[in-house]
PDB file of N, CA and C in Angstrom:
ATOM      1  N   UNK A   1      33.146 -54.987  37.114  1.00  0.00           N
ATOM      2  CA  UNK A   1      32.735 -53.624  37.369  1.00  0.00           C
ATOM      3  C   UNK A   1      32.469 -52.959  36.026  1.00  0.00           C
ATOM      4  N   UNK A   2      31.376 -52.218  35.957  1.00  0.00           N
ATOM      5  CA  UNK A   2      31.025 -51.553  34.715  1.00  0.00           C
ATOM      6  C   UNK A   2      30.200 -50.302  35.008  1.00  0.00           C
ATOM      7  N   UNK A   3      30.491 -49.240  34.269  1.00  0.00           N
ATOM      8  CA  UNK A   3      29.724 -47.996  34.349  1.00  0.00           C
ATOM      9  C   UNK A   3      28.677 -47.984  33.250  1.00  0.00           C
ATOM     10  N   UNK A   4      27.553 -47.341  33.523  1.00  0.00           N
ATOM     11  CA  UNK A   4      26.525 -47.152  32.504  1.00  0.00           C
ATOM     12  C   UNK A   4      27.057 -46.172  31.456  1.00  0.00           C
ATOM     13  N   UNK A   5      26.479 -46.157  30.255  1.00  0.00           N
ATOM     14  CA  UNK A   5      26.948 -45.240  29.214  1.00  0.00           C
ATOM     15  C   UNK A   5      26.917 -43.767  29.637  1.00  0.00           C
ATOM     16  N   UNK A   6      25.958 -43.377  30.450  1.00  0.00           N
ATOM     17  CA  UNK A   6      25.901 -41.983  30.899  1.00  0.00           C
ATOM     18  C   UNK A   6      26.833 -41.731  32.084  1.00  0.00           C
ATOM     19  N   UNK A   7      27.301 -42.802  32.728  1.00  0.00           N
ATOM     20  CA  UNK A   7      28.186 -42.657  33.881  1.00  0.00           C
ATOM     21  C   UNK A   7      27.463 -42.436  35.190  1.00  0.00           C
ATOM     22  N   UNK A   8      26.138 -42.544  35.206  1.00  0.00           N
ATOM     23  CA  UNK A   8      25.362 -42.309  36.425  1.00  0.00           C
ATOM     24  C   UNK A   8      25.175 -43.552  37.284  1.00  0.00           C
ATOM     25  N   UNK A   9      25.566 -44.723  36.789  1.00  0.00           N
ATOM     26  CA  UNK A   9      25.356 -45.972  37.509  1.00  0.00           C
ATOM     27  C   UNK A   9      26.613 -46.831  37.405  1.00  0.00           C
ATOM     28  N   UNK A  10      26.971 -47.452  38.510  1.00  0.00           N
ATOM     29  CA  UNK A  10      28.113 -48.364  38.565  1.00  0.00           C
ATOM     30  C   UNK A  10      27.608 -49.699  39.110  1.00  0.00           C
ATOM     31  N   UNK A  11      27.963 -50.802  38.435  1.00  0.00           N
ATOM     32  CA  UNK A  11      27.604 -52.136  38.892  1.00  0.00           C
ATOM     33  C   UNK A  11      28.902 -52.890  39.159  1.00  0.00           C
ATOM     34  N   UNK A  12      29.025 -53.439  40.369  1.00  0.00           N
ATOM     35  CA  UNK A  12      30.210 -54.180  40.777  1.00  0.00           C
ATOM     36  C   UNK A  12      29.806 -55.616  41.052  1.00  0.00           C
ATOM     37  N   UNK A  13      30.481 -56.575  40.397  1.00  0.00           N
ATOM     38  CA  UNK A  13      30.206 -57.992  40.597  1.00  0.00           C
ATOM     39  C   UNK A  13      31.126 -58.586  41.642  1.00  0.00           C
ATOM     40  N   UNK A  14      30.616 -59.565  42.387  1.00  0.00           N
ATOM     41  CA  UNK A  14      31.376 -60.196  43.466  1.00  0.00           C
ATOM     42  C   UNK A  14      31.580 -61.682  43.194  1.00  0.00           C
ATOM     43  N   UNK A  15      32.484 -62.281  43.950  1.00  0.00           N
ATOM     44  CA  UNK A  15      32.806 -63.692  43.806  1.00  0.00           C
ATOM     45  C   UNK A  15      31.638 -64.579  44.230  1.00  0.00           C
ATOM     46  N   UNK A  16      30.804 -64.118  45.136  1.00  0.00           N
ATOM     47  CA  UNK A  16      29.699 -64.934  45.642  1.00  0.00           C
ATOM     48  C   UNK A  16      28.448 -64.873  44.766  1.00  0.00           C
ATOM     49  N   UNK A  17      28.519 -64.233  43.605  1.00  0.00           N
ATOM     50  CA  UNK A  17      27.385 -64.195  42.693  1.00  0.00           C
ATOM     51  C   UNK A  17      26.425 -63.055  42.918  1.00  0.00           C
ATOM     52  N   UNK A  18      26.850 -62.005  43.565  1.00  0.00           N
ATOM     53  CA  UNK A  18      25.976 -60.850  43.774  1.00  0.00           C
ATOM     54  C   UNK A  18      26.552 -59.632  43.060  1.00  0.00           C
ATOM     55  N   UNK A  19      25.690 -58.691  42.748  1.00  0.00           N
ATOM     56  CA  UNK A  19      26.090 -57.429  42.128  1.00  0.00           C
ATOM     57  C   UNK A  19      25.585 -56.285  42.999  1.00  0.00           C
ATOM     58  N   UNK A  20      26.419 -55.293  43.195  1.00  0.00           N
ATOM     59  CA  UNK A  20      26.045 -54.124  43.984  1.00  0.00           C
ATOM     60  C   UNK A  20      25.937 -52.938  43.031  1.00  0.00           C
ATOM     61  N   UNK A  21      24.834 -52.203  43.125  1.00  0.00           N
ATOM     62  CA  UNK A  21      24.600 -51.037  42.282  1.00  0.00           C
ATOM     63  C   UNK A  21      24.864 -49.772  43.077  1.00  0.00           C
ATOM     64  N   UNK A  22      25.619 -48.872  42.475  1.00  0.00           N
ATOM     65  CA  UNK A  22      25.935 -47.583  43.071  1.00  0.00           C
ATOM     66  C   UNK A  22      25.508 -46.477  42.117  1.00  0.00           C
ATOM     67  N   UNK A  23      25.006 -45.389  42.677  1.00  0.00           N
ATOM     68  CA  UNK A  23      24.689 -44.199  41.894  1.00  0.00           C
ATOM     69  C   UNK A  23      25.905 -43.290  41.922  1.00  0.00           C
ATOM     70  N   UNK A  24      26.279 -42.766  40.761  1.00  0.00           N
ATOM     71  CA  UNK A  24      27.474 -41.934  40.661  1.00  0.00           C
ATOM     72  C   UNK A  24      27.150 -40.546  40.133  1.00  0.00           C
ATOM     73  N   UNK A  25      25.944 -40.066  40.380  1.00  0.00           N
ATOM     74  CA  UNK A  25      25.539 -38.757  39.875  1.00  0.00           C
ATOM     75  C   UNK A  25      26.356 -37.634  40.507  1.00  0.00           C
ATOM     76  N   UNK A  26      26.699 -37.785  41.775  1.00  0.00           N
ATOM     77  CA  UNK A  26      27.556 -36.804  42.435  1.00  0.00           C
ATOM     78  C   UNK A  26      28.989 -37.323  42.383  1.00  0.00           C
ATOM     79  N   UNK A  27      29.896 -36.657  43.025  1.00  0.00           N
ATOM     80  CA  UNK A  27      31.281 -37.107  43.039  1.00  0.00           C
ATOM     81  C   UNK A  27      31.509 -38.248  44.022  1.00  0.00           C
ATOM     82  N   UNK A  28      30.467 -38.655  44.744  1.00  0.00           N
ATOM     83  CA  UNK A  28      30.560 -39.760  45.684  1.00  0.00           C
ATOM     84  C   UNK A  28      29.753 -40.948  45.176  1.00  0.00           C
ATOM     85  N   UNK A  29      30.161 -42.158  45.562  1.00  0.00           N
ATOM     86  CA  UNK A  29      29.384 -43.349  45.256  1.00  0.00           C
ATOM     87  C   UNK A  29      28.281 -43.504  46.299  1.00  0.00           C
ATOM     88  N   UNK A  30      27.053 -43.619  45.844  1.00  0.00           N
ATOM     89  CA  UNK A  30      25.916 -43.786  46.726  1.00  0.00           C
ATOM     90  C   UNK A  30      25.340 -45.178  46.515  1.00  0.00           C
ATOM     91  N   UNK A  31      25.307 -45.986  47.585  1.00  0.00           N
ATOM     92  CA  UNK A  31      24.783 -47.344  47.511  1.00  0.00           C
ATOM     93  C   UNK A  31      23.301 -47.315  47.159  1.00  0.00           C
ATOM     94  N   UNK A  32      22.917 -48.126  46.162  1.00  0.00           N
ATOM     95  CA  UNK A  32      21.512 -48.235  45.780  1.00  0.00           C
ATOM     96  C   UNK A  32      20.913 -49.538  46.291  1.00  0.00           C
ATOM     97  N   UNK A  33      21.457 -50.666  45.819  1.00  0.00           N
ATOM     98  CA  UNK A  33      20.918 -51.965  46.197  1.00  0.00           C
ATOM     99  C   UNK A  33      21.893 -53.070  45.827  1.00  0.00           C
ATOM    100  N   UNK A  34      21.563 -54.282  46.243  1.00  0.00           N
ATOM    101  CA  UNK A  34      22.341 -55.464  45.891  1.00  0.00           C
ATOM    102  C   UNK A  34      21.423 -56.456  45.193  1.00  0.00           C
ATOM    103  N   UNK A  35      21.907 -57.049  44.113  1.00  0.00           N
ATOM    104  CA  UNK A  35      21.149 -58.027  43.337  1.00  0.00           C
ATOM    105  C   UNK A  35      21.875 -59.360  43.423  1.00  0.00           C
ATOM    106  N   UNK A  36      21.159 -60.435  43.722  1.00  0.00           N
ATOM    107  CA  UNK A  36      21.745 -61.771  43.750  1.00  0.00           C
ATOM    108  C   UNK A  36      21.578 -62.427  42.385  1.00  0.00           C
ATOM    109  N   UNK A  37      22.683 -62.779  41.761  1.00  0.00           N
ATOM    110  CA  UNK A  37      22.680 -63.444  40.457  1.00  0.00           C
ATOM    111  C   UNK A  37      22.896 -64.936  40.687  1.00  0.00           C
ATOM    112  N   UNK A  38      21.947 -65.559  41.371  1.00  0.00           N
ATOM    113  CA  UNK A  38      22.085 -66.955  41.772  1.00  0.00           C
ATOM    114  C   UNK A  38      20.903 -67.759  41.265  1.00  0.00           C
ATOM    115  N   UNK A  39      21.099 -69.060  41.180  1.00  0.00           N
ATOM    116  CA  UNK A  39      19.994 -69.965  40.901  1.00  0.00           C
ATOM    117  C   UNK A  39      19.176 -70.150  42.169  1.00  0.00           C
ATOM    118  N   UNK A  40      17.907 -70.424  42.023  1.00  0.00           N
ATOM    119  CA  UNK A  40      17.046 -70.611  43.189  1.00  0.00           C
ATOM    120  C   UNK A  40      17.307 -71.930  43.900  1.00  0.00           C
ATOM    121  N   UNK A  41      17.635 -72.955  43.122  1.00  0.00           N
ATOM    122  CA  UNK A  41      17.896 -74.263  43.707  1.00  0.00           C
ATOM    123  C   UNK A  41      18.920 -74.989  42.851  1.00  0.00           C
ATOM    124  N   UNK A  42      19.420 -76.088  43.355  1.00  0.00           N
ATOM    125  CA  UNK A  42      20.365 -76.885  42.594  1.00  0.00           C
ATOM    126  C   UNK A  42      21.801 -76.675  43.041  1.00  0.00           C
ATOM    127  N   UNK A  43      22.704 -77.112  42.202  1.00  0.00           N
ATOM    128  CA  UNK A  43      24.128 -77.130  42.519  1.00  0.00           C
ATOM    129  C   UNK A  43      24.698 -75.728  42.747  1.00  0.00           C
ATOM    130  N   UNK A  44      24.218 -74.746  41.990  1.00  0.00           N
ATOM    131  CA  UNK A  44      24.781 -73.391  42.064  1.00  0.00           C
ATOM    132  C   UNK A  44      23.876 -72.408  42.798  1.00  0.00           C
ATOM    133  N   UNK A  45      23.077 -72.891  43.724  1.00  0.00           N
ATOM    134  CA  UNK A  45      22.178 -72.020  44.483  1.00  0.00           C
ATOM    135  C   UNK A  45      22.948 -71.086  45.413  1.00  0.00           C
ATOM    136  N   UNK A  46      24.189 -71.443  45.745  1.00  0.00           N
ATOM    137  CA  UNK A  46      24.997 -70.574  46.604  1.00  0.00           C
ATOM    138  C   UNK A  46      25.625 -69.436  45.824  1.00  0.00           C
ATOM    139  N   UNK A  47      25.603 -69.508  44.493  1.00  0.00           N
ATOM    140  CA  UNK A  47      26.120 -68.432  43.661  1.00  0.00           C
ATOM    141  C   UNK A  47      27.464 -68.770  43.054  1.00  0.00           C
ATOM    142  N   UNK A  48      27.717 -68.231  41.871  1.00  0.00           N
ATOM    143  CA  UNK A  48      28.983 -68.390  41.174  1.00  0.00           C
ATOM    144  C   UNK A  48      29.549 -67.009  40.879  1.00  0.00           C
ATOM    145  N   UNK A  49      30.833 -66.941  40.670  1.00  0.00           N
ATOM    146  CA  UNK A  49      31.530 -65.679  40.458  1.00  0.00           C
ATOM    147  C   UNK A  49      30.970 -64.927  39.247  1.00  0.00           C
ATOM    148  N   UNK A  50      30.810 -63.620  39.409  1.00  0.00           N
ATOM    149  CA  UNK A  50      30.386 -62.767  38.306  1.00  0.00           C
ATOM    150  C   UNK A  50      31.595 -62.563  37.395  1.00  0.00           C
ATOM    151  N   UNK A  51      31.473 -63.011  36.140  1.00  0.00           N
ATOM    152  CA  UNK A  51      32.591 -62.974  35.204  1.00  0.00           C
ATOM    153  C   UNK A  51      32.612 -61.694  34.377  1.00  0.00           C
ATOM    154  N   UNK A  52      31.452 -61.084  34.149  1.00  0.00           N
ATOM    155  CA  UNK A  52      31.427 -59.878  33.342  1.00  0.00           C
ATOM    156  C   UNK A  52      30.105 -59.159  33.422  1.00  0.00           C
ATOM    157  N   UNK A  53      30.164 -57.844  33.226  1.00  0.00           N
ATOM    158  CA  UNK A  53      28.971 -56.992  33.251  1.00  0.00           C
ATOM    159  C   UNK A  53      29.051 -56.073  32.041  1.00  0.00           C
ATOM    160  N   UNK A  54      27.968 -56.003  31.277  1.00  0.00           N
ATOM    161  CA  UNK A  54      27.923 -55.150  30.092  1.00  0.00           C
ATOM    162  C   UNK A  54      26.591 -54.412  30.069  1.00  0.00           C
ATOM    163  N   UNK A  55      26.640 -53.104  29.876  1.00  0.00           N
ATOM    164  CA  UNK A  55      25.416 -52.305  29.774  1.00  0.00           C
ATOM    165  C   UNK A  55      24.929 -52.289  28.335  1.00  0.00           C
ATOM    166  N   UNK A  56      23.619 -52.467  28.155  1.00  0.00           N
ATOM    167  CA  UNK A  56      22.996 -52.324  26.843  1.00  0.00           C
ATOM    168  C   UNK A  56      22.616 -50.873  26.597  1.00  0.00           C
ATOM    169  N   UNK A  57      22.113 -50.232  27.651  1.00  0.00           N
ATOM    170  CA  UNK A  57      21.778 -48.811  27.644  1.00  0.00           C
ATOM    171  C   UNK A  57      21.870 -48.346  29.088  1.00  0.00           C
ATOM    172  N   UNK A  58      21.336 -47.180  29.411  1.00  0.00           N
ATOM    173  CA  UNK A  58      21.426 -46.662  30.778  1.00  0.00           C
ATOM    174  C   UNK A  58      20.550 -47.420  31.762  1.00  0.00           C
ATOM    175  N   UNK A  59      19.646 -48.255  31.272  1.00  0.00           N
ATOM    176  CA  UNK A  59      18.686 -48.919  32.141  1.00  0.00           C
ATOM    177  C   UNK A  59      18.938 -50.421  32.250  1.00  0.00           C
ATOM    178  N   UNK A  60      19.335 -51.074  31.173  1.00  0.00           N
ATOM    179  CA  UNK A  60      19.476 -52.529  31.154  1.00  0.00           C
ATOM    180  C   UNK A  60      20.940 -52.939  31.068  1.00  0.00           C
ATOM    181  N   UNK A  61      21.271 -54.023  31.790  1.00  0.00           N
ATOM    182  CA  UNK A  61      22.638 -54.540  31.736  1.00  0.00           C
ATOM    183  C   UNK A  61      22.640 -56.061  31.811  1.00  0.00           C
ATOM    184  N   UNK A  62      23.689 -56.665  31.233  1.00  0.00           N
ATOM    185  CA  UNK A  62      23.869 -58.101  31.218  1.00  0.00           C
ATOM    186  C   UNK A  62      24.898 -58.493  32.267  1.00  0.00           C
ATOM    187  N   UNK A  63      24.648 -59.604  32.968  1.00  0.00           N
ATOM    188  CA  UNK A  63      25.584 -60.128  33.955  1.00  0.00           C
ATOM    189  C   UNK A  63      25.888 -61.575  33.587  1.00  0.00           C
ATOM    190  N   UNK A  64      27.169 -61.895  33.354  1.00  0.00           N
ATOM    191  CA  UNK A  64      27.596 -63.266  33.072  1.00  0.00           C
ATOM    192  C   UNK A  64      28.232 -63.837  34.327  1.00  0.00           C
ATOM    193  N   UNK A  65      27.844 -65.064  34.683  1.00  0.00           N
ATOM    194  CA  UNK A  65      28.416 -65.732  35.841  1.00  0.00           C
ATOM    195  C   UNK A  65      29.103 -67.021  35.391  1.00  0.00           C
ATOM    196  N   UNK A  66      29.907 -67.599  36.276  1.00  0.00           N
ATOM    197  CA  UNK A  66      30.678 -68.782  35.933  1.00  0.00           C
ATOM    198  C   UNK A  66      29.860 -70.065  35.904  1.00  0.00           C
ATOM    199  N   UNK A  67      28.546 -69.999  36.050  1.00  0.00           N
ATOM    200  CA  UNK A  67      27.716 -71.183  35.837  1.00  0.00           C
ATOM    201  C   UNK A  67      27.173 -71.191  34.409  1.00  0.00           C
ATOM    202  N   UNK A  68      27.837 -70.451  33.518  1.00  0.00           N
ATOM    203  CA  UNK A  68      27.523 -70.384  32.090  1.00  0.00           C
ATOM    204  C   UNK A  68      26.146 -69.811  31.814  1.00  0.00           C
ATOM    205  N   UNK A  69      25.747 -68.828  32.584  1.00  0.00           N
ATOM    206  CA  UNK A  69      24.476 -68.164  32.322  1.00  0.00           C
ATOM    207  C   UNK A  69      24.690 -66.660  32.206  1.00  0.00           C
ATOM    208  N   UNK A  70      23.843 -66.051  31.390  1.00  0.00           N
ATOM    209  CA  UNK A  70      23.849 -64.607  31.207  1.00  0.00           C
ATOM    210  C   UNK A  70      22.456 -64.118  31.561  1.00  0.00           C
ATOM    211  N   UNK A  71      22.389 -63.142  32.459  1.00  0.00           N
ATOM    212  CA  UNK A  71      21.104 -62.621  32.922  1.00  0.00           C
ATOM    213  C   UNK A  71      20.965 -61.163  32.511  1.00  0.00           C
ATOM    214  N   UNK A  72      19.750 -60.788  32.103  1.00  0.00           N
ATOM    215  CA  UNK A  72      19.437 -59.411  31.745  1.00  0.00           C
ATOM    216  C   UNK A  72      18.681 -58.794  32.904  1.00  0.00           C
ATOM    217  N   UNK A  73      19.196 -57.674  33.423  1.00  0.00           N
ATOM    218  CA  UNK A  73      18.585 -56.977  34.556  1.00  0.00           C
ATOM    219  C   UNK A  73      18.186 -55.567  34.143  1.00  0.00           C
ATOM    220  N   UNK A  74      17.198 -55.046  34.841  1.00  0.00           N
ATOM    221  CA  UNK A  74      16.778 -53.666  34.671  1.00  0.00           C
ATOM    222  C   UNK A  74      17.215 -52.876  35.897  1.00  0.00           C
ATOM    223  N   UNK A  75      17.868 -51.750  35.685  1.00  0.00           N
ATOM    224  CA  UNK A  75      18.319 -50.918  36.801  1.00  0.00           C
ATOM    225  C   UNK A  75      17.172 -50.125  37.408  1.00  0.00           C
ATOM    226  N   UNK A  76      16.083 -49.960  36.683  1.00  0.00           N
ATOM    227  CA  UNK A  76      14.948 -49.202  37.216  1.00  0.00           C
ATOM    228  C   UNK A  76      14.237 -49.951  38.328  1.00  0.00           C
ATOM    229  N   UNK A  77      13.866 -51.212  38.073  1.00  0.00           N
ATOM    230  CA  UNK A  77      13.137 -51.977  39.094  1.00  0.00           C
ATOM    231  C   UNK A  77      13.995 -53.067  39.733  1.00  0.00           C
ATOM    232  N   UNK A  78      15.272 -53.157  39.342  1.00  0.00           N
ATOM    233  CA  UNK A  78      16.238 -54.104  39.931  1.00  0.00           C
ATOM    234  C   UNK A  78      15.753 -55.546  39.834  1.00  0.00           C
ATOM    235  N   UNK A  79      15.097 -55.887  38.738  1.00  0.00           N
ATOM    236  CA  UNK A  79      14.549 -57.220  38.528  1.00  0.00           C
ATOM    237  C   UNK A  79      15.236 -57.901  37.354  1.00  0.00           C
ATOM    238  N   UNK A  80      15.314 -59.232  37.449  1.00  0.00           N
ATOM    239  CA  UNK A  80      15.834 -60.021  36.345  1.00  0.00           C
ATOM    240  C   UNK A  80      14.759 -60.148  35.280  1.00  0.00           C
ATOM    241  N   UNK A  81      15.090 -59.803  34.046  1.00  0.00           N
ATOM    242  CA  UNK A  81      14.122 -59.867  32.952  1.00  0.00           C
ATOM    243  C   UNK A  81      14.209 -61.201  32.222  1.00  0.00           C
ATOM    244  N   UNK A  82      15.440 -61.632  31.886  1.00  0.00           N
ATOM    245  CA  UNK A  82      15.640 -62.847  31.112  1.00  0.00           C
ATOM    246  C   UNK A  82      16.901 -63.539  31.609  1.00  0.00           C
ATOM    247  N   UNK A  83      16.909 -64.870  31.525  1.00  0.00           N
ATOM    248  CA  UNK A  83      18.105 -65.642  31.838  1.00  0.00           C
ATOM    249  C   UNK A  83      18.426 -66.525  30.643  1.00  0.00           C
ATOM    250  N   UNK A  84      19.667 -66.432  30.156  1.00  0.00           N
ATOM    251  CA  UNK A  84      20.135 -67.255  29.067  1.00  0.00           C
ATOM    252  C   UNK A  84      21.120 -68.266  29.631  1.00  0.00           C
ATOM    253  N   UNK A  85      20.907 -69.543  29.331  1.00  0.00           N
ATOM    254  CA  UNK A  85      21.770 -70.596  29.844  1.00  0.00           C
ATOM    255  C   UNK A  85      22.594 -71.157  28.695  1.00  0.00           C
ATOM    256  N   UNK A  86      23.916 -71.230  28.877  1.00  0.00           N
ATOM    257  CA  UNK A  86      24.806 -71.743  27.854  1.00  0.00           C
ATOM    258  C   UNK A  86      25.403 -73.079  28.245  1.00  0.00           C
ATOM    259  N   UNK A  87      26.339 -73.549  27.442  1.00  0.00           N
ATOM    260  CA  UNK A  87      27.044 -74.786  27.748  1.00  0.00           C
ATOM    261  C   UNK A  87      27.965 -74.557  28.930  1.00  0.00           C
ATOM    262  N   UNK A  88      28.100 -75.551  29.785  1.00  0.00           N
ATOM    263  CA  UNK A  88      28.913 -75.415  30.985  1.00  0.00           C
ATOM    264  C   UNK A  88      30.382 -75.330  30.615  1.00  0.00           C
ATOM    265  N   UNK A  89      31.078 -74.341  31.157  1.00  0.00           N
ATOM    266  CA  UNK A  89      32.506 -74.151  30.936  1.00  0.00           C
ATOM    267  C   UNK A  89      33.096 -73.656  32.245  1.00  0.00           C
ATOM    268  N   UNK A  90      33.821 -74.513  32.939  1.00  0.00           N
ATOM    269  CA  UNK A  90      34.348 -74.182  34.262  1.00  0.00           C
ATOM    270  C   UNK A  90      35.729 -73.538  34.195  1.00  0.00           C
ATOM    271  N   UNK A  91      36.360 -73.511  33.032  1.00  0.00           N
ATOM    272  CA  UNK A  91      37.745 -73.070  32.940  1.00  0.00           C
ATOM    273  C   UNK A  91      37.912 -71.631  32.457  1.00  0.00           C
ATOM    274  N   UNK A  92      37.024 -71.147  31.623  1.00  0.00           N
ATOM    275  CA  UNK A  92      37.176 -69.810  31.055  1.00  0.00           C
ATOM    276  C   UNK A  92      36.059 -68.891  31.518  1.00  0.00           C
ATOM    277  N   UNK A  93      36.415 -67.643  31.739  1.00  0.00           N
ATOM    278  CA  UNK A  93      35.402 -66.649  32.060  1.00  0.00           C
ATOM    279  C   UNK A  93      34.883 -66.056  30.764  1.00  0.00           C
ATOM    280  N   UNK A  94      33.610 -65.708  30.752  1.00  0.00           N
ATOM    281  CA  UNK A  94      33.045 -65.082  29.562  1.00  0.00           C
ATOM    282  C   UNK A  94      32.470 -63.726  29.920  1.00  0.00           C
ATOM    283  N   UNK A  95      32.598 -62.818  28.996  1.00  0.00           N
ATOM    284  CA  UNK A  95      32.044 -61.486  29.163  1.00  0.00           C
ATOM    285  C   UNK A  95      30.876 -61.344  28.202  1.00  0.00           C
ATOM    286  N   UNK A  96      29.727 -60.894  28.666  1.00  0.00           N
ATOM    287  CA  UNK A  96      28.566 -60.794  27.768  1.00  0.00           C
ATOM    288  C   UNK A  96      28.729 -59.642  26.785  1.00  0.00           C
ATOM    289  N   UNK A  97      28.221 -59.846  25.593  1.00  0.00           N
ATOM    290  CA  UNK A  97      28.208 -58.777  24.600  1.00  0.00           C
ATOM    291  C   UNK A  97      26.964 -58.957  23.742  1.00  0.00           C
ATOM    292  N   UNK A  98      26.582 -57.904  23.067  1.00  0.00           N
ATOM    293  CA  UNK A  98      25.392 -57.932  22.236  1.00  0.00           C
ATOM    294  C   UNK A  98      25.762 -57.419  20.867  1.00  0.00           C
ATOM    295  N   UNK A  99      25.364 -58.170  19.851  1.00  0.00           N
ATOM    296  CA  UNK A  99      25.568 -57.767  18.467  1.00  0.00           C
ATOM    297  C   UNK A  99      24.209 -57.765  17.789  1.00  0.00           C
ATOM    298  N   UNK A 100      23.703 -56.589  17.512  1.00  0.00           N
ATOM    299  CA  UNK A 100      22.376 -56.458  16.925  1.00  0.00           C
ATOM    300  C   UNK A 100      22.510 -56.386  15.420  1.00  0.00           C
ATOM    301  N   UNK A 101      21.961 -57.393  14.725  1.00  0.00           N
ATOM    302  CA  UNK A 101      21.999 -57.431  13.273  1.00  0.00           C
ATOM    303  C   UNK A 101      20.930 -56.493  12.726  1.00  0.00           C
ATOM    304  N   UNK A 102      21.289 -55.760  11.719  1.00  0.00           N
ATOM    305  CA  UNK A 102      20.327 -54.815  11.118  1.00  0.00           C
ATOM    306  C   UNK A 102      20.011 -55.212   9.718  1.00  0.00           C
TER     307      UNK A 102
END
């Protein structure tokens, strides 16, 4: 679960590999949509647990799943922009982070 930097968006990750987006502009949570963070085919097509969610800004966020992949999503169009695949690690959960070198 992670809030956007402005606090207007909440993303909740599930065990089945999906993320639910809620709008938090009012004092109530308003359901926006659900995003599936799954592979299209192969061993993990049923989805793996969401291990971590990190916002880059109010619009883009990273989702790490237990199939050792990190996906970049846009909250505006609810589409996956990029998928990064890492080495397989079934024992530890990873949380995505970004370090921008200047």
